[in-house]
Amino acid sequence: MPSSPPGAHLPDHPDFLWRNPEPRKSYDVVIIGGGGHGLATAHYLARNHGITNVAVLEKGWLAGGNMARNTTLIRSNYLWDESARIYDHSLTLWEGLEEELDYPILFSQRGVLNLAHSLQDVRDSVRRVEANKLNGIDAEWIGPEDVQRLCPIVNISQDIRYPVMGATYQARAGIAKHDYVAWGLARSADRAGIDIIQGCEVTGFTTDGDRVTGVRTTRGDIGAGRIALCAAGHSAVLAGMLDFRIPVQSHPLQALVSELLEPVHPTIVMSNAVHVYVSQAHKGELVMGAGVDSYVGYGQRGAFHIIERQMAAAVELFPVFARAHLLRSWAGIVDVTPDASPIVGRTPYENVFLNCGWGTGGFKATPGIGWCFADTVANGAPHPYVAPFALDRFTSGALVDEHGAAAVAH
């Protein structure tokens, strides 16, 4: 195992946290995708399984895709047992990740409120709370007065278009600093001897029967014992190179932040009816998002009509925001499956494993899926927490339908 990379005594500067090596001729494991899931998989391959002859290939810059283009919400209050299990495993890991990585990730457990605005919202919300309790997840149903106690700036007037009738509340939910998470995982993987190779786009694969023997890249061919696909919105492109199809559509998901403000928003608030979610970042920006764009595409930019709708929804819930100024907007690429749940596990090739389809829930799953996917790759069989999310569920009919249960995109 190599010593710490040069400059590792400067932990606050990402350029010194990992090496930038030339790719070797072959590796035991090649991970395609240098975002949160790819880096977490590399971290846990080394930490939990002692597998360090690993390369993480990233076509652009490290964590420059969805990891850099999300709104950093972390929660586990999902409806179905299968979803609750993997997300709560992840939340538990989040609670110890800063110590595990020995790196600041600014994990702030400020809680999340999912607002209800109709009788059907109330029924669905109470159902989800009771399901969460059965799975040992902290969740409760609260009324409008308690909503305002937790977040005094929410408008609970009954004279608005969608009056607040209550909310679900998960106190353990929170946010983290996305780039710090990526840098901490990258540093950990690098120190274990794993190669992180940026500017290395995959252009094809070499195969021998039902095995893939290597990866063709813009930096040369790389042999691989096992391959882990962690490319989020571009997973369908990689699958196409291997002549199999996955039921995933990629959509832009836009978000925006305000100018820096004094602390005014103590928690996270989500509303499906008004269609916005808002938190306040550590520096003071209001971070806002809503649903995915209806069209399929790979655009990573905002659009004015989305900005206008998000701001209108935010001002309806939080009148105090009316004079806030927009600072910037951006978009990520979310990969959406027919049942709004991920695809994790085996592929038609015996040594290729797939992790995609997280839609708007990828960031919050980062350490949990890294743990479980590393176990899947190391052992050649799905970890029990991800077994329900196999690709073949779309032919067997054993879907895990999280449409609506997770509320607005997040």
Protein backbone atom coordinates (compact mmCIF):
# COMPACT_ATOMS: atom_id res chain seq x y z
CA MET A 1 0.00 0.00 0.00
CA PRO A 2 1.52 3.37 -0.98
CA SER A 3 2.12 6.12 1.51
CA SER A 4 -0.10 9.19 1.65
CA PRO A 5 -0.06 11.25 -1.56
CA PRO A 6 2.19 14.30 -1.77
CA GLY A 7 0.59 17.30 -0.17
CA ALA A 8 -1.77 15.24 1.99
CA HIS A 9 -0.91 17.59 4.89
CA LEU A 10 -3.16 20.17 3.19
CA PRO A 11 -6.56 18.50 3.67
CA ASP A 12 -8.60 21.58 2.85
CA HIS A 13 -7.46 21.65 -0.78
CA PRO A 14 -8.89 18.86 -2.96
CA ASP A 15 -5.92 18.87 -5.37
CA PHE A 16 -3.79 17.33 -2.61
CA LEU A 17 -6.21 14.67 -1.39
CA TRP A 18 -5.56 11.99 -3.99
CA ARG A 19 -3.05 11.06 -6.67
CA ASN A 20 -3.74 11.41 -10.39
CA PRO A 21 -2.08 8.21 -11.66
CA GLU A 22 -1.79 6.83 -15.14
CA PRO A 23 -4.08 3.82 -15.62
CA ARG A 24 -2.45 0.43 -15.20
CA LYS A 25 -2.96 -2.36 -17.74
CA SER A 26 -5.47 -4.21 -15.58
CA TYR A 27 -7.28 -4.20 -12.24
CA ASP A 28 -9.24 -6.67 -10.18
CA VAL A 29 -12.18 -4.25 -10.18
CA VAL A 30 -12.92 -1.32 -12.49
CA ILE A 31 -15.59 1.11 -11.27
CA ILE A 32 -17.08 3.29 -14.00
CA GLY A 33 -18.25 6.58 -12.55
CA GLY A 34 -16.32 8.83 -10.17
CA GLY A 35 -19.30 10.29 -8.36
CA GLY A 36 -20.56 9.59 -4.86
CA HIS A 37 -21.64 6.01 -5.52
CA GLY A 38 -18.49 5.04 -7.37
CA LEU A 39 -16.24 6.56 -4.72
CA ALA A 40 -18.24 5.03 -1.87
CA THR A 41 -18.04 1.62 -3.55
CA ALA A 42 -14.27 2.00 -3.83
CA HIS A 43 -14.00 3.11 -0.19
CA TYR A 44 -15.93 0.08 1.09
CA LEU A 45 -14.20 -2.39 -1.24
CA ALA A 46 -11.00 -1.43 0.55
CA ARG A 47 -12.41 -0.93 4.04
CA ASN A 48 -14.75 -3.92 4.28
CA HIS A 49 -13.23 -6.42 1.86
CA GLY A 50 -9.54 -5.57 1.56
CA ILE A 51 -9.82 -5.20 -2.23
CA THR A 52 -7.52 -2.39 -3.33
CA ASN A 53 -6.42 -3.32 -6.87
CA VAL A 54 -9.22 -1.06 -8.07
CA ALA A 55 -9.60 1.77 -10.57
CA VAL A 56 -12.32 4.42 -10.51
CA LEU A 57 -12.79 5.82 -14.02
CA GLU A 58 -14.36 9.26 -14.39
CA LYS A 59 -14.87 10.78 -17.84
CA GLY A 60 -14.80 14.34 -16.48
CA TRP A 61 -13.61 15.67 -13.15
CA LEU A 62 -14.10 13.85 -9.89
CA ALA A 63 -17.70 14.09 -8.62
CA GLY A 64 -18.53 16.63 -11.31
CA GLY A 65 -21.82 15.02 -12.34
CA ASN A 66 -24.83 14.56 -10.09
CA MET A 67 -22.65 14.64 -6.97
CA ALA A 68 -21.92 18.31 -7.69
CA ARG A 69 -25.47 19.01 -8.90
CA ASN A 70 -27.80 17.97 -6.12
CA THR A 71 -29.46 19.55 -3.12
CA THR A 72 -27.83 17.29 -0.49
CA LEU A 73 -30.95 16.15 1.39
CA ILE A 74 -30.54 13.02 3.52
CA ARG A 75 -33.51 11.10 4.93
CA SER A 76 -34.88 7.55 5.19
CA ASN A 77 -38.64 7.98 5.62
CA TYR A 78 -39.63 5.91 2.57
CA LEU A 79 -42.83 3.88 2.39
CA TRP A 80 -41.87 0.35 1.38
CA ASP A 81 -39.81 -1.99 3.54
CA GLU A 82 -37.19 -2.49 0.82
CA SER A 83 -36.60 1.24 0.36
CA ALA A 84 -36.68 2.03 4.06
CA ARG A 85 -34.09 -0.67 4.75
CA ILE A 86 -31.42 0.61 2.34
CA TYR A 87 -32.02 4.30 3.06
CA ASP A 88 -31.97 3.85 6.82
CA HIS A 89 -28.79 1.77 6.55
CA SER A 90 -27.36 4.72 4.66
CA LEU A 91 -28.57 7.26 7.23
CA THR A 92 -26.95 5.24 10.00
CA LEU A 93 -23.67 5.31 8.08
CA TRP A 94 -24.04 9.06 7.50
CA GLU A 95 -24.18 9.52 11.26
CA GLY A 96 -20.66 8.10 11.62
CA LEU A 97 -19.16 8.96 8.25
CA GLU A 98 -17.18 12.03 9.30
CA GLU A 99 -15.35 10.01 11.96
CA GLU A 100 -14.92 7.06 9.60
CA LEU A 101 -13.33 9.22 6.90
CA ASP A 102 -11.53 11.50 9.34
CA TYR A 103 -12.72 14.33 7.15
CA PRO A 104 -15.32 17.09 7.68
CA ILE A 105 -18.52 16.54 5.71
CA LEU A 106 -20.70 19.06 7.60
CA PHE A 107 -23.48 16.54 8.25
CA SER A 108 -26.27 18.51 9.94
CA GLN A 109 -29.26 16.58 11.30
CA ARG A 110 -31.85 19.35 11.24
CA GLY A 111 -34.91 17.22 10.41
CA VAL A 112 -37.30 17.15 7.45
CA LEU A 113 -40.96 18.14 7.23
CA ASN A 114 -43.11 16.67 4.43
CA LEU A 115 -46.19 18.90 4.32
CA ALA A 116 -49.74 17.68 3.72
CA HIS A 117 -52.24 20.00 2.03
CA SER A 118 -55.32 17.82 1.47
CA LEU A 119 -57.19 14.97 3.15
CA GLN A 120 -55.58 12.53 0.73
CA ASP A 121 -52.14 13.97 1.61
CA VAL A 122 -52.97 13.40 5.27
CA ARG A 123 -54.03 9.78 4.69
CA ASP A 124 -50.94 9.01 2.63
CA SER A 125 -48.66 10.75 5.13
CA VAL A 126 -50.06 8.95 8.17
CA ARG A 127 -49.77 5.65 6.29
CA ARG A 128 -46.10 6.36 5.60
CA VAL A 129 -45.43 7.33 9.23
CA GLU A 130 -46.94 4.07 10.46
CA ALA A 131 -44.93 2.09 7.91
CA ASN A 132 -41.77 3.91 9.04
CA LYS A 133 -42.46 3.04 12.67
CA LEU A 134 -42.86 -0.63 11.79
CA ASN A 135 -39.40 -0.45 10.21
CA GLY A 136 -37.84 1.21 13.26
CA ILE A 137 -37.45 4.57 11.51
CA ASP A 138 -38.00 7.75 13.49
CA ALA A 139 -41.12 9.36 12.05
CA GLU A 140 -44.14 11.16 13.43
CA TRP A 141 -47.26 12.96 12.27
CA ILE A 142 -47.60 16.55 13.52
CA GLY A 143 -50.23 19.27 13.15
CA PRO A 144 -49.87 22.78 11.67
CA GLU A 145 -48.94 24.40 14.98
CA ASP A 146 -46.06 21.97 15.48
CA VAL A 147 -44.98 22.59 11.89
CA GLN A 148 -44.66 26.28 12.69
CA ARG A 149 -42.92 25.52 15.98
CA LEU A 150 -40.25 23.57 14.08
CA CYS A 151 -40.07 26.08 11.23
CA PRO A 152 -41.54 29.47 12.26
CA ILE A 153 -41.35 30.95 8.74
CA VAL A 154 -43.81 28.46 7.18
CA ASN A 155 -47.15 30.05 6.30
CA ILE A 156 -49.85 27.98 8.05
CA SER A 157 -52.69 30.38 7.27
CA GLN A 158 -55.93 28.69 6.16
CA ASP A 159 -56.54 31.45 3.59
CA ILE A 160 -54.01 30.27 1.02
CA ARG A 161 -54.31 28.03 -2.03
CA TYR A 162 -52.90 24.95 -0.28
CA PRO A 163 -53.27 25.33 3.49
CA VAL A 164 -50.95 23.24 5.64
CA MET A 165 -52.95 20.44 7.29
CA GLY A 166 -49.95 18.86 9.01
CA ALA A 167 -46.71 17.10 8.11
CA THR A 168 -44.59 14.04 8.60
CA TYR A 169 -41.40 14.75 10.54
CA GLN A 170 -38.13 12.82 10.65
CA ALA A 171 -35.72 14.38 13.14
CA ARG A 172 -32.63 12.40 12.04
CA ALA A 173 -32.80 13.76 8.49
CA GLY A 174 -30.42 16.48 7.39
CA ILE A 175 -27.93 17.77 4.86
CA ALA A 176 -24.20 17.41 4.20
CA LYS A 177 -21.62 19.25 2.12
CA HIS A 178 -21.60 17.26 -1.12
CA ASP A 179 -18.12 18.11 -2.35
CA TYR A 180 -16.58 17.44 1.07
CA VAL A 181 -18.23 14.00 1.02
CA ALA A 182 -16.70 13.25 -2.37
CA TRP A 183 -13.25 14.50 -1.33
CA GLY A 184 -13.31 12.48 1.89
CA LEU A 185 -14.27 9.27 0.07
CA ALA A 186 -11.66 9.91 -2.64
CA ARG A 187 -8.93 10.51 -0.08
CA SER A 188 -9.83 7.32 1.75
CA ALA A 189 -9.81 5.26 -1.44
CA ASP A 190 -6.54 6.76 -2.63
CA ARG A 191 -4.82 6.09 0.68
CA ALA A 192 -5.85 2.45 0.36
CA GLY A 193 -4.02 2.30 -2.98
CA ILE A 194 -7.02 2.64 -5.29
CA ASP A 195 -6.40 4.57 -8.53
CA ILE A 196 -8.77 7.45 -9.27
CA ILE A 197 -8.44 8.26 -12.95
CA GLN A 198 -10.05 11.46 -14.20
CA GLY A 199 -10.53 12.48 -17.82
CA CYS A 200 -11.01 8.84 -18.75
CA GLU A 201 -14.15 8.25 -20.81
CA VAL A 202 -15.32 4.72 -21.53
CA THR A 203 -15.81 4.13 -25.26
CA GLY A 204 -16.49 0.39 -25.30
CA PHE A 205 -15.79 -3.02 -23.82
CA THR A 206 -13.99 -6.21 -24.75
CA THR A 207 -15.87 -9.44 -24.14
CA ASP A 208 -15.33 -13.18 -24.13
CA GLY A 209 -18.65 -15.01 -24.08
CA ASP A 210 -20.62 -14.00 -21.01
CA ARG A 211 -17.66 -12.21 -19.45
CA VAL A 212 -16.31 -8.73 -20.03
CA THR A 213 -12.54 -8.81 -20.14
CA GLY A 214 -11.75 -5.13 -20.33
CA VAL A 215 -12.77 -1.53 -20.82
CA ARG A 216 -11.86 0.62 -23.81
CA THR A 217 -11.23 4.22 -22.79
CA THR A 218 -9.87 7.47 -24.15
CA ARG A 219 -6.72 6.70 -22.14
CA GLY A 220 -6.24 3.19 -23.52
CA ASP A 221 -7.61 -0.30 -22.90
CA ILE A 222 -7.82 -1.50 -19.29
CA GLY A 223 -8.26 -5.15 -18.32
CA ALA A 224 -10.81 -5.90 -15.62
CA GLY A 225 -11.64 -8.89 -13.44
CA ARG A 226 -14.97 -7.35 -12.40
CA ILE A 227 -16.73 -4.19 -13.53
CA ALA A 228 -19.07 -1.98 -11.51
CA LEU A 229 -21.27 0.43 -13.46
CA CYS A 230 -22.01 3.56 -11.38
CA ALA A 231 -22.75 6.13 -14.07
CA ALA A 232 -26.20 7.34 -12.93
CA GLY A 233 -27.92 9.11 -15.85
CA HIS A 234 -25.51 7.66 -18.40
CA SER A 235 -25.96 4.03 -17.30
CA ALA A 236 -28.21 3.26 -20.27
CA VAL A 237 -25.43 4.40 -22.60
CA LEU A 238 -22.96 1.98 -21.01
CA ALA A 239 -25.50 -0.85 -21.06
CA GLY A 240 -26.04 -0.17 -24.76
CA MET A 241 -22.31 -0.66 -25.36
CA LEU A 242 -22.75 -4.13 -23.84
CA ASP A 243 -25.85 -4.88 -25.94
CA PHE A 244 -28.38 -5.07 -23.13
CA ARG A 245 -31.14 -2.66 -22.23
CA ILE A 246 -32.21 -1.23 -18.90
CA PRO A 247 -35.59 0.43 -18.23
CA VAL A 248 -34.20 3.84 -17.33
CA GLN A 249 -34.98 7.30 -18.64
CA SER A 250 -32.70 10.26 -17.95
CA HIS A 251 -34.29 13.61 -17.13
CA PRO A 252 -32.82 16.98 -16.12
CA LEU A 253 -33.55 17.99 -12.53
CA GLN A 254 -33.14 21.69 -11.86
CA ALA A 255 -32.38 23.48 -8.61
CA LEU A 256 -31.36 26.94 -7.50
CA VAL A 257 -29.87 28.87 -4.60
CA SER A 258 -30.46 32.35 -3.27
CA GLU A 259 -28.00 34.98 -2.17
CA LEU A 260 -26.43 34.54 1.27
CA LEU A 261 -28.86 35.21 4.10
CA GLU A 262 -28.78 35.21 7.86
CA PRO A 263 -30.02 31.91 9.40
CA VAL A 264 -33.81 31.93 8.97
CA HIS A 265 -34.69 28.36 7.97
CA PRO A 266 -33.86 25.81 10.68
CA THR A 267 -35.01 22.58 9.01
CA ILE A 268 -35.91 21.09 5.61
CA VAL A 269 -39.41 21.59 4.25
CA MET A 270 -40.88 19.63 1.34
CA SER A 271 -44.28 20.07 -0.30
CA ASN A 272 -45.64 17.91 -3.10
CA ALA A 273 -48.79 19.99 -3.71
CA VAL A 274 -47.03 23.36 -3.88
CA HIS A 275 -44.12 21.48 -5.45
CA VAL A 276 -40.99 22.80 -3.89
CA TYR A 277 -38.51 21.84 -1.20
CA VAL A 278 -36.25 24.25 0.65
CA SER A 279 -33.33 24.07 3.06
CA GLN A 280 -30.66 26.57 4.05
CA ALA A 281 -27.05 25.72 3.34
CA HIS A 282 -24.25 26.14 5.86
CA LYS A 283 -23.07 29.39 4.27
CA GLY A 284 -26.58 30.85 4.22
CA GLU A 285 -27.99 30.24 0.74
CA LEU A 286 -31.55 28.97 0.43
CA VAL A 287 -31.39 25.74 -1.59
CA MET A 288 -34.55 25.04 -3.57
CA GLY A 289 -35.67 22.29 -5.91
CA ALA A 290 -38.82 20.67 -7.30
CA GLY A 291 -39.68 17.90 -9.77
CA VAL A 292 -37.83 16.57 -12.77
CA ASP A 293 -38.32 18.12 -16.20
CA SER A 294 -40.84 16.14 -18.22
CA TYR A 295 -38.58 15.72 -21.24
CA VAL A 296 -35.79 13.17 -21.60
CA GLY A 297 -32.32 14.65 -21.95
CA TYR A 298 -28.82 15.13 -20.63
CA GLY A 299 -28.88 18.91 -20.18
CA GLN A 300 -27.11 20.30 -17.11
CA ARG A 301 -28.52 23.80 -17.12
CA GLY A 302 -31.49 25.65 -15.71
CA ALA A 303 -34.48 27.16 -17.49
CA PHE A 304 -36.36 30.32 -16.60
CA HIS A 305 -39.85 28.80 -16.44
CA ILE A 306 -38.65 26.23 -13.88
CA ILE A 307 -36.98 28.96 -11.83
CA GLU A 308 -40.16 31.04 -11.92
CA ARG A 309 -42.34 28.15 -10.73
CA GLN A 310 -39.97 27.16 -7.95
CA MET A 311 -39.69 30.71 -6.66
CA ALA A 312 -43.48 31.21 -6.80
CA ALA A 313 -44.01 28.00 -4.82
CA ALA A 314 -41.35 28.94 -2.27
CA VAL A 315 -42.84 32.40 -1.71
CA GLU A 316 -46.29 30.85 -1.23
CA LEU A 317 -44.99 28.66 1.60
CA PHE A 318 -42.46 31.20 2.92
CA PRO A 319 -43.63 34.81 2.39
CA VAL A 320 -40.43 36.00 4.07
CA PHE A 321 -38.53 34.89 0.91
CA ALA A 322 -40.33 37.40 -1.30
CA ARG A 323 -37.38 39.82 -1.36
CA ALA A 324 -34.62 37.22 -1.64
CA HIS A 325 -32.50 37.33 -4.79
CA LEU A 326 -31.64 34.34 -6.94
CA LEU A 327 -27.90 33.65 -7.07
CA ARG A 328 -27.56 30.73 -9.52
CA SER A 329 -29.31 27.66 -10.90
CA TRP A 330 -28.15 24.34 -12.30
CA ALA A 331 -29.39 20.89 -13.29
CA GLY A 332 -28.35 17.29 -12.71
CA ILE A 333 -29.31 14.21 -14.72
CA VAL A 334 -31.61 11.84 -12.86
CA ASP A 335 -32.11 8.26 -14.00
CA VAL A 336 -35.71 7.21 -13.46
CA THR A 337 -37.10 3.66 -13.53
CA PRO A 338 -40.76 2.64 -14.05
CA ASP A 339 -41.25 2.02 -10.31
CA ALA A 340 -39.11 4.95 -9.07
CA SER A 341 -36.69 2.56 -7.32
CA PRO A 342 -33.05 1.78 -8.17
CA ILE A 343 -31.56 -1.10 -10.13
CA VAL A 344 -28.71 -2.83 -8.29
CA GLY A 345 -27.11 -6.20 -8.89
CA ARG A 346 -26.23 -8.59 -11.65
CA THR A 347 -26.38 -8.07 -15.43
CA PRO A 348 -26.36 -10.54 -18.36
CA TYR A 349 -22.56 -10.65 -17.94
CA GLU A 350 -21.34 -12.70 -15.00
CA ASN A 351 -18.67 -10.22 -13.92
CA VAL A 352 -20.50 -6.92 -14.58
CA PHE A 353 -22.63 -5.34 -11.85
CA LEU A 354 -25.06 -2.46 -12.21
CA ASN A 355 -26.01 0.37 -9.85
CA CYS A 356 -28.36 2.99 -11.30
CA GLY A 357 -31.92 4.28 -11.34
CA TRP A 358 -31.79 6.20 -8.05
CA GLY A 359 -33.70 9.07 -9.60
CA THR A 360 -33.71 11.94 -7.13
CA GLY A 361 -32.53 9.85 -4.17
CA GLY A 362 -28.93 9.14 -5.10
CA PHE A 363 -27.07 11.47 -2.75
CA LYS A 364 -28.81 10.33 0.42
CA ALA A 365 -28.03 6.71 -0.48
CA THR A 366 -24.29 7.33 -0.99
CA PRO A 367 -22.68 5.48 1.94
CA GLY A 368 -25.40 2.81 2.13
CA ILE A 369 -25.22 1.83 -1.52
CA GLY A 370 -21.42 2.06 -1.44
CA TRP A 371 -21.42 -0.49 1.40
CA CYS A 372 -23.95 -2.82 -0.25
CA PHE A 373 -22.64 -2.54 -3.82
CA ALA A 374 -19.07 -3.18 -2.67
CA ASP A 375 -20.35 -6.32 -0.95
CA THR A 376 -22.20 -7.33 -4.14
CA VAL A 377 -19.11 -6.86 -6.32
CA ALA A 378 -16.77 -8.54 -3.85
CA ASN A 379 -18.96 -11.63 -3.36
CA GLY A 380 -20.52 -11.86 -6.81
CA ALA A 381 -24.05 -11.92 -5.34
CA PRO A 382 -26.43 -9.16 -4.25
CA HIS A 383 -26.23 -7.92 -0.67
CA PRO A 384 -29.58 -8.66 1.05
CA TYR A 385 -30.42 -4.94 1.25
CA VAL A 386 -30.23 -4.54 -2.54
CA ALA A 387 -31.53 -7.96 -3.62
CA PRO A 388 -35.10 -6.60 -4.11
CA PHE A 389 -33.79 -4.08 -6.65
CA ALA A 390 -32.58 -6.63 -9.20
CA LEU A 391 -32.95 -5.90 -12.90
CA ASP A 392 -35.16 -8.95 -13.43
CA ARG A 393 -37.97 -7.50 -11.28
CA PHE A 394 -39.23 -5.75 -14.41
CA THR A 395 -39.96 -9.16 -15.95
CA SER A 396 -41.07 -10.92 -12.76
CA GLY A 397 -43.37 -8.07 -11.73
CA ALA A 398 -41.92 -7.77 -8.20
CA LEU A 399 -41.76 -3.98 -8.35
CA VAL A 400 -40.97 -1.62 -5.46
CA ASP A 401 -43.23 1.27 -6.41
CA GLU A 402 -42.13 4.45 -4.63
CA HIS A 403 -44.08 6.85 -6.86
CA GLY A 404 -45.56 9.56 -4.69
CA ALA A 405 -44.48 7.93 -1.43
CA ALA A 406 -41.23 9.87 -1.44
CA ALA A 407 -43.05 13.15 -2.16
CA VAL A 408 -41.50 15.89 -4.26
CA ALA A 409 -38.16 15.26 -5.97
CA HIS A 410 -35.34 15.84 -3.54
